[in-house]
PDB file of N, CA and C in Angstrom:
ATOM      1  N   MET A   1     -58.384-136.843-169.826  1.00  0.00           N
ATOM      2  CA  MET A   1     -59.433-137.827-170.020  1.00  0.00           C
ATOM      3  C   MET A   1     -60.702-137.120-170.502  1.00  0.00           C
ATOM      4  N   LEU A   2     -61.273-137.604-171.552  1.00  0.00           N
ATOM      5  CA  LEU A   2     -62.471-136.997-172.119  1.00  0.00           C
ATOM      6  C   LEU A   2     -63.715-137.438-171.356  1.00  0.00           C
ATOM      7  N   SER A   3     -64.656-136.505-171.241  1.00  0.00           N
ATOM      8  CA  SER A   3     -65.925-136.835-170.597  1.00  0.00           C
ATOM      9  C   SER A   3     -66.849-137.540-171.586  1.00  0.00           C
ATOM     10  N   GLU A   4     -67.942-138.087-171.079  1.00  0.00           N
ATOM     11  CA  GLU A   4     -68.931-138.730-171.951  1.00  0.00           C
ATOM     12  C   GLU A   4     -69.493-137.736-172.965  1.00  0.00           C
ATOM     13  N   VAL A   5     -69.666-136.481-172.542  1.00  0.00           N
ATOM     14  CA  VAL A   5     -70.182-135.448-173.447  1.00  0.00           C
ATOM     15  C   VAL A   5     -69.173-135.209-174.570  1.00  0.00           C
ATOM     16  N   GLU A   6     -67.896-135.070-174.207  1.00  0.00           N
ATOM     17  CA  GLU A   6     -66.863-134.814-175.213  1.00  0.00           C
ATOM     18  C   GLU A   6     -66.703-135.981-176.191  1.00  0.00           C
ATOM     19  N   ARG A   7     -66.945-137.201-175.717  1.00  0.00           N
ATOM     20  CA  ARG A   7     -66.844-138.374-176.586  1.00  0.00           C
ATOM     21  C   ARG A   7     -68.115-138.588-177.397  1.00  0.00           C
ATOM     22  N   GLY A   8     -69.156-137.783-177.181  1.00  0.00           N
ATOM     23  CA  GLY A   8     -70.400-137.925-177.911  1.00  0.00           C
ATOM     24  C   GLY A   8     -71.265-139.069-177.427  1.00  0.00           C
ATOM     25  N   GLU A   9     -70.998-139.557-176.218  1.00  0.00           N
ATOM     26  CA  GLU A   9     -71.762-140.675-175.671  1.00  0.00           C
ATOM     27  C   GLU A   9     -72.973-140.218-174.866  1.00  0.00           C
ATOM     28  N   LYS A  10     -73.014-138.948-174.527  1.00  0.00           N
ATOM     29  CA  LYS A  10     -74.091-138.424-173.692  1.00  0.00           C
ATOM     30  C   LYS A  10     -74.336-136.973-174.083  1.00  0.00           C
ATOM     31  N   SER A  11     -75.607-136.556-174.059  1.00  0.00           N
ATOM     32  CA  SER A  11     -75.941-135.161-174.341  1.00  0.00           C
ATOM     33  C   SER A  11     -75.812-134.344-173.063  1.00  0.00           C
ATOM     34  N   PRO A  12     -75.295-133.124-173.170  1.00  0.00           N
ATOM     35  CA  PRO A  12     -75.166-132.290-171.966  1.00  0.00           C
ATOM     36  C   PRO A  12     -76.524-131.780-171.495  1.00  0.00           C
ATOM     37  N   THR A  13     -76.659-131.568-170.194  1.00  0.00           N
ATOM     38  CA  THR A  13     -77.858-130.923-169.670  1.00  0.00           C
ATOM     39  C   THR A  13     -77.820-129.467-170.113  1.00  0.00           C
ATOM     40  N   ILE A  14     -78.928-128.765-169.983  1.00  0.00           N
ATOM     41  CA  ILE A  14     -78.968-127.353-170.381  1.00  0.00           C
ATOM     42  C   ILE A  14     -77.982-126.542-169.548  1.00  0.00           C
ATOM     43  N   GLY A  15     -77.815-126.898-168.275  1.00  0.00           N
ATOM     44  CA  GLY A  15     -76.861-126.188-167.428  1.00  0.00           C
ATOM     45  C   GLY A  15     -75.435-126.359-167.908  1.00  0.00           C
ATOM     46  N   ILE A  16     -75.064-127.585-168.265  1.00  0.00           N
ATOM     47  CA  ILE A  16     -73.711-127.850-168.766  1.00  0.00           C
ATOM     48  C   ILE A  16     -73.515-127.189-170.126  1.00  0.00           C
ATOM     49  N   ALA A  17     -74.521-127.281-170.990  1.00  0.00           N
ATOM     50  CA  ALA A  17     -74.428-126.645-172.305  1.00  0.00           C
ATOM     51  C   ALA A  17     -74.241-125.137-172.157  1.00  0.00           C
ATOM     52  N   SER A  18     -74.938-124.535-171.193  1.00  0.00           N
ATOM     53  CA  SER A  18     -74.809-123.108-170.940  1.00  0.00           C
ATOM     54  C   SER A  18     -73.397-122.766-170.477  1.00  0.00           C
ATOM     55  N   LYS A  19     -72.836-123.587-169.592  1.00  0.00           N
ATOM     56  CA  LYS A  19     -71.473-123.336-169.106  1.00  0.00           C
ATOM     57  C   LYS A  19     -70.452-123.473-170.228  1.00  0.00           C
ATOM     58  N   ILE A  20     -70.641-124.448-171.092  1.00  0.00           N
ATOM     59  CA  ILE A  20     -69.744-124.628-172.236  1.00  0.00           C
ATOM     60  C   ILE A  20     -69.839-123.408-173.163  1.00  0.00           C
ATOM     61  N   ALA A  21     -71.061-122.990-173.464  1.00  0.00           N
ATOM     62  CA  ALA A  21     -71.260-121.837-174.342  1.00  0.00           C
ATOM     63  C   ALA A  21     -70.651-120.584-173.721  1.00  0.00           C
ATOM     64  N   HIS A  22     -70.844-120.403-172.420  1.00  0.00           N
ATOM     65  CA  HIS A  22     -70.289-119.230-171.729  1.00  0.00           C
ATOM     66  C   HIS A  22     -68.767-119.243-171.807  1.00  0.00           C
ATOM     67  N   ALA A  23     -68.160-120.393-171.568  1.00  0.00           N
ATOM     68  CA  ALA A  23     -66.699-120.511-171.617  1.00  0.00           C
ATOM     69  C   ALA A  23     -66.167-120.188-173.009  1.00  0.00           C
ATOM     70  N   LEU A  24     -66.937-120.517-174.037  1.00  0.00           N
ATOM     71  CA  LEU A  24     -66.529-120.253-175.407  1.00  0.00           C
ATOM     72  C   LEU A  24     -66.936-118.862-175.884  1.00  0.00           C
ATOM     73  N   GLY A  25     -67.687-118.136-175.045  1.00  0.00           N
ATOM     74  CA  GLY A  25     -68.157-116.812-175.439  1.00  0.00           C
ATOM     75  C   GLY A  25     -69.281-116.863-176.445  1.00  0.00           C
ATOM     76  N   VAL A  26     -70.028-117.967-176.466  1.00  0.00           N
ATOM     77  CA  VAL A  26     -71.121-118.159-177.425  1.00  0.00           C
ATOM     78  C   VAL A  26     -72.452-118.004-176.704  1.00  0.00           C
ATOM     79  N   GLY A  27     -73.391-117.361-177.331  1.00  0.00           N
ATOM     80  CA  GLY A  27     -74.739-117.309-176.789  1.00  0.00           C
ATOM     81  C   GLY A  27     -74.959-116.279-175.696  1.00  0.00           C
ATOM     82  N   ALA A  28     -74.038-115.367-175.517  1.00  0.00           N
ATOM     83  CA  ALA A  28     -74.221-114.332-174.501  1.00  0.00           C
ATOM     84  C   ALA A  28     -75.421-113.468-174.889  1.00  0.00           C
ATOM     85  N   LEU A  29     -76.295-113.240-173.959  1.00  0.00           N
ATOM     86  CA  LEU A  29     -77.497-112.459-174.207  1.00  0.00           C
ATOM     87  C   LEU A  29     -77.450-111.212-173.338  1.00  0.00           C
ATOM     88  N   THR A  30     -77.649-110.072-173.943  1.00  0.00           N
ATOM     89  CA  THR A  30     -77.654-108.809-173.216  1.00  0.00           C
ATOM     90  C   THR A  30     -79.006-108.141-173.409  1.00  0.00           C
ATOM     91  N   GLU A  31     -79.590-107.702-172.314  1.00  0.00           N
ATOM     92  CA  GLU A  31     -80.851-106.961-172.369  1.00  0.00           C
ATOM     93  C   GLU A  31     -80.577-105.548-171.868  1.00  0.00           C
ATOM     94  N   THR A  32     -80.990-104.547-172.613  1.00  0.00           N
ATOM     95  CA  THR A  32     -80.859-103.159-172.179  1.00  0.00           C
ATOM     96  C   THR A  32     -82.233-102.685-171.731  1.00  0.00           C
ATOM     97  N   LEU A  33     -82.314-102.271-170.472  1.00  0.00           N
ATOM     98  CA  LEU A  33     -83.589-101.825-169.909  1.00  0.00           C
ATOM     99  C   LEU A  33     -83.557-100.317-169.687  1.00  0.00           C
ATOM    100  N   HIS A  34     -84.731 -99.727-169.796  1.00  0.00           N
ATOM    101  CA  HIS A  34     -84.886 -98.293-169.567  1.00  0.00           C
ATOM    102  C   HIS A  34     -85.920 -98.087-168.470  1.00  0.00           C
ATOM    103  N   THR A  35     -86.077 -96.878-168.018  1.00  0.00           N
ATOM    104  CA  THR A  35     -87.024 -96.557-166.955  1.00  0.00           C
ATOM    105  C   THR A  35     -88.381 -97.182-167.242  1.00  0.00           C
ATOM    106  N   GLY A  36     -88.901 -97.940-166.266  1.00  0.00           N
ATOM    107  CA  GLY A  36     -90.211 -98.575-166.395  1.00  0.00           C
ATOM    108  C   GLY A  36     -90.183 -99.953-167.034  1.00  0.00           C
ATOM    109  N   ASP A  37     -89.051-100.376-167.572  1.00  0.00           N
ATOM    110  CA  ASP A  37     -88.952-101.690-168.210  1.00  0.00           C
ATOM    111  C   ASP A  37     -88.852-102.800-167.170  1.00  0.00           C
ATOM    112  N   SER A  38     -89.148-104.003-167.599  1.00  0.00           N
ATOM    113  CA  SER A  38     -88.978-105.176-166.741  1.00  0.00           C
ATOM    114  C   SER A  38     -88.492-106.332-167.606  1.00  0.00           C
ATOM    115  N   VAL A  39     -87.945-107.343-166.948  1.00  0.00           N
ATOM    116  CA  VAL A  39     -87.460-108.512-167.665  1.00  0.00           C
ATOM    117  C   VAL A  39     -87.658-109.735-166.778  1.00  0.00           C
ATOM    118  N   PHE A  40     -87.986-110.861-167.398  1.00  0.00           N
ATOM    119  CA  PHE A  40     -88.127-112.134-166.694  1.00  0.00           C
ATOM    120  C   PHE A  40     -87.156-113.116-167.318  1.00  0.00           C
ATOM    121  N   PHE A  41     -86.491-113.900-166.489  1.00  0.00           N
ATOM    122  CA  PHE A  41     -85.621-114.943-167.016  1.00  0.00           C
ATOM    123  C   PHE A  41     -85.495-116.062-165.997  1.00  0.00           C
ATOM    124  N   GLN A  42     -85.199-117.246-166.498  1.00  0.00           N
ATOM    125  CA  GLN A  42     -84.932-118.390-165.632  1.00  0.00           C
ATOM    126  C   GLN A  42     -83.531-118.187-165.064  1.00  0.00           C
ATOM    127  N   ALA A  43     -83.416-118.139-163.764  1.00  0.00           N
ATOM    128  CA  ALA A  43     -82.136-117.812-163.127  1.00  0.00           C
ATOM    129  C   ALA A  43     -81.317-119.049-162.784  1.00  0.00           C
ATOM    130  N   ASP A  44     -81.561-120.164-163.473  1.00  0.00           N
ATOM    131  CA  ASP A  44     -80.810-121.377-163.164  1.00  0.00           C
ATOM    132  C   ASP A  44     -79.524-121.490-163.969  1.00  0.00           C
ATOM    133  N   ALA A  45     -79.173-120.444-164.695  1.00  0.00           N
ATOM    134  CA  ALA A  45     -77.908-120.398-165.434  1.00  0.00           C
ATOM    135  C   ALA A  45     -77.122-119.174-164.954  1.00  0.00           C
ATOM    136  N   ASP A  46     -75.821-119.179-165.188  1.00  0.00           N
ATOM    137  CA  ASP A  46     -75.000-118.042-164.783  1.00  0.00           C
ATOM    138  C   ASP A  46     -75.580-116.763-165.378  1.00  0.00           C
ATOM    139  N   HIS A  47     -75.630-115.712-164.561  1.00  0.00           N
ATOM    140  CA  HIS A  47     -76.141-114.434-165.032  1.00  0.00           C
ATOM    141  C   HIS A  47     -75.532-113.319-164.188  1.00  0.00           C
ATOM    142  N   GLY A  48     -75.698-112.102-164.630  1.00  0.00           N
ATOM    143  CA  GLY A  48     -75.175-110.961-163.896  1.00  0.00           C
ATOM    144  C   GLY A  48     -75.894-109.693-164.304  1.00  0.00           C
ATOM    145  N   PHE A  49     -75.607-108.635-163.559  1.00  0.00           N
ATOM    146  CA  PHE A  49     -76.228-107.341-163.802  1.00  0.00           C
ATOM    147  C   PHE A  49     -75.118-106.304-163.898  1.00  0.00           C
ATOM    148  N   ALA A  50     -75.290-105.326-164.769  1.00  0.00           N
ATOM    149  CA  ALA A  50     -74.301-104.264-164.900  1.00  0.00           C
ATOM    150  C   ALA A  50     -74.990-102.967-165.291  1.00  0.00           C
ATOM    151  N   ASN A  51     -74.589-101.893-164.665  1.00  0.00           N
ATOM    152  CA  ASN A  51     -75.017-100.552-165.056  1.00  0.00           C
ATOM    153  C   ASN A  51     -73.870 -99.988-165.877  1.00  0.00           C
ATOM    154  N   ARG A  52     -74.058 -99.867-167.167  1.00  0.00           N
ATOM    155  CA  ARG A  52     -72.975 -99.443-168.059  1.00  0.00           C
ATOM    156  C   ARG A  52     -72.987 -97.945-168.323  1.00  0.00           C
ATOM    157  N   THR A  53     -73.577 -97.209-167.389  1.00  0.00           N
ATOM    158  CA  THR A  53     -73.591 -95.745-167.483  1.00  0.00           C
ATOM    159  C   THR A  53     -73.025 -95.174-166.186  1.00  0.00           C
ATOM    160  N   ASP A  54     -72.843 -93.863-166.178  1.00  0.00           N
ATOM    161  CA  ASP A  54     -72.409 -93.179-164.958  1.00  0.00           C
ATOM    162  C   ASP A  54     -73.589 -92.757-164.100  1.00  0.00           C
ATOM    163  N   ALA A  55     -74.814 -92.884-164.628  1.00  0.00           N
ATOM    164  CA  ALA A  55     -76.017 -92.483-163.907  1.00  0.00           C
ATOM    165  C   ALA A  55     -76.366 -93.538-162.852  1.00  0.00           C
ATOM    166  N   PRO A  56     -76.922 -93.092-161.722  1.00  0.00           N
ATOM    167  CA  PRO A  56     -77.346 -94.064-160.707  1.00  0.00           C
ATOM    168  C   PRO A  56     -78.419 -94.994-161.262  1.00  0.00           C
ATOM    169  N   CYS A  57     -78.465 -96.194-160.747  1.00  0.00           N
ATOM    170  CA  CYS A  57     -79.433 -97.182-161.197  1.00  0.00           C
ATOM    171  C   CYS A  57     -80.076 -97.840-159.979  1.00  0.00           C
ATOM    172  N   GLU A  58     -81.381 -97.938-159.979  1.00  0.00           N
ATOM    173  CA  GLU A  58     -82.115 -98.641-158.930  1.00  0.00           C
ATOM    174  C   GLU A  58     -82.955 -99.714-159.584  1.00  0.00           C
ATOM    175  N   TYR A  59     -83.064-100.869-158.928  1.00  0.00           N
ATOM    176  CA  TYR A  59     -83.896-101.925-159.474  1.00  0.00           C
ATOM    177  C   TYR A  59     -84.501-102.741-158.346  1.00  0.00           C
ATOM    178  N   LEU A  60     -85.589-103.382-158.659  1.00  0.00           N
ATOM    179  CA  LEU A  60     -86.299-104.261-157.740  1.00  0.00           C
ATOM    180  C   LEU A  60     -86.193-105.670-158.295  1.00  0.00           C
ATOM    181  N   MET A  61     -85.750-106.589-157.458  1.00  0.00           N
ATOM    182  CA  MET A  61     -85.599-107.973-157.887  1.00  0.00           C
ATOM    183  C   MET A  61     -86.583-108.828-157.088  1.00  0.00           C
ATOM    184  N   ILE A  62     -87.350-109.632-157.791  1.00  0.00           N
ATOM    185  CA  ILE A  62     -88.283-110.555-157.165  1.00  0.00           C
ATOM    186  C   ILE A  62     -87.838-111.962-157.526  1.00  0.00           C
ATOM    187  N   ILE A  63     -87.622-112.775-156.509  1.00  0.00           N
ATOM    188  CA  ILE A  63     -87.201-114.164-156.729  1.00  0.00           C
ATOM    189  C   ILE A  63     -88.293-115.078-156.214  1.00  0.00           C
ATOM    190  N   SER A  64     -88.790-115.947-157.079  1.00  0.00           N
ATOM    191  CA  SER A  64     -89.827-116.880-156.658  1.00  0.00           C
ATOM    192  C   SER A  64     -89.363-118.293-156.943  1.00  0.00           C
ATOM    193  N   ARG A  65     -89.871-119.209-156.179  1.00  0.00           N
ATOM    194  CA  ARG A  65     -89.522-120.606-156.355  1.00  0.00           C
ATOM    195  C   ARG A  65     -90.809-121.410-156.458  1.00  0.00           C
ATOM    196  N   ARG A  66     -90.862-122.243-157.461  1.00  0.00           N
ATOM    197  CA  ARG A  66     -92.038-123.087-157.628  1.00  0.00           C
ATOM    198  C   ARG A  66     -91.937-124.246-156.650  1.00  0.00           C
ATOM    199  N   ALA A  67     -93.056-124.553-156.035  1.00  0.00           N
ATOM    200  CA  ALA A  67     -93.078-125.656-155.056  1.00  0.00           C
ATOM    201  C   ALA A  67     -93.215-126.990-155.727  1.00  0.00           C
TER     202      ALA A  67
END
C-alpha cells in the first residue's frame, strides 16, 4: 500500500525526507575536523561520529535545547 507521500498527495516533513534520502544514500554529508575545529548542526536528523584514523580522538559535545 502506497503512502500519501508516495502517491504525491502530501509533502514529506524534513525528517521523513532525510530518512528517505539516507535510505537511498543521497545527501550524505561528511565533515572532516582537525585539532581546534568545531562544528554545529541540528541534531534532529540521523547522525553519527567516526574517527577514521588510528590516532586517538577526543571531543567535547554540547547539547542544548531551546525552551
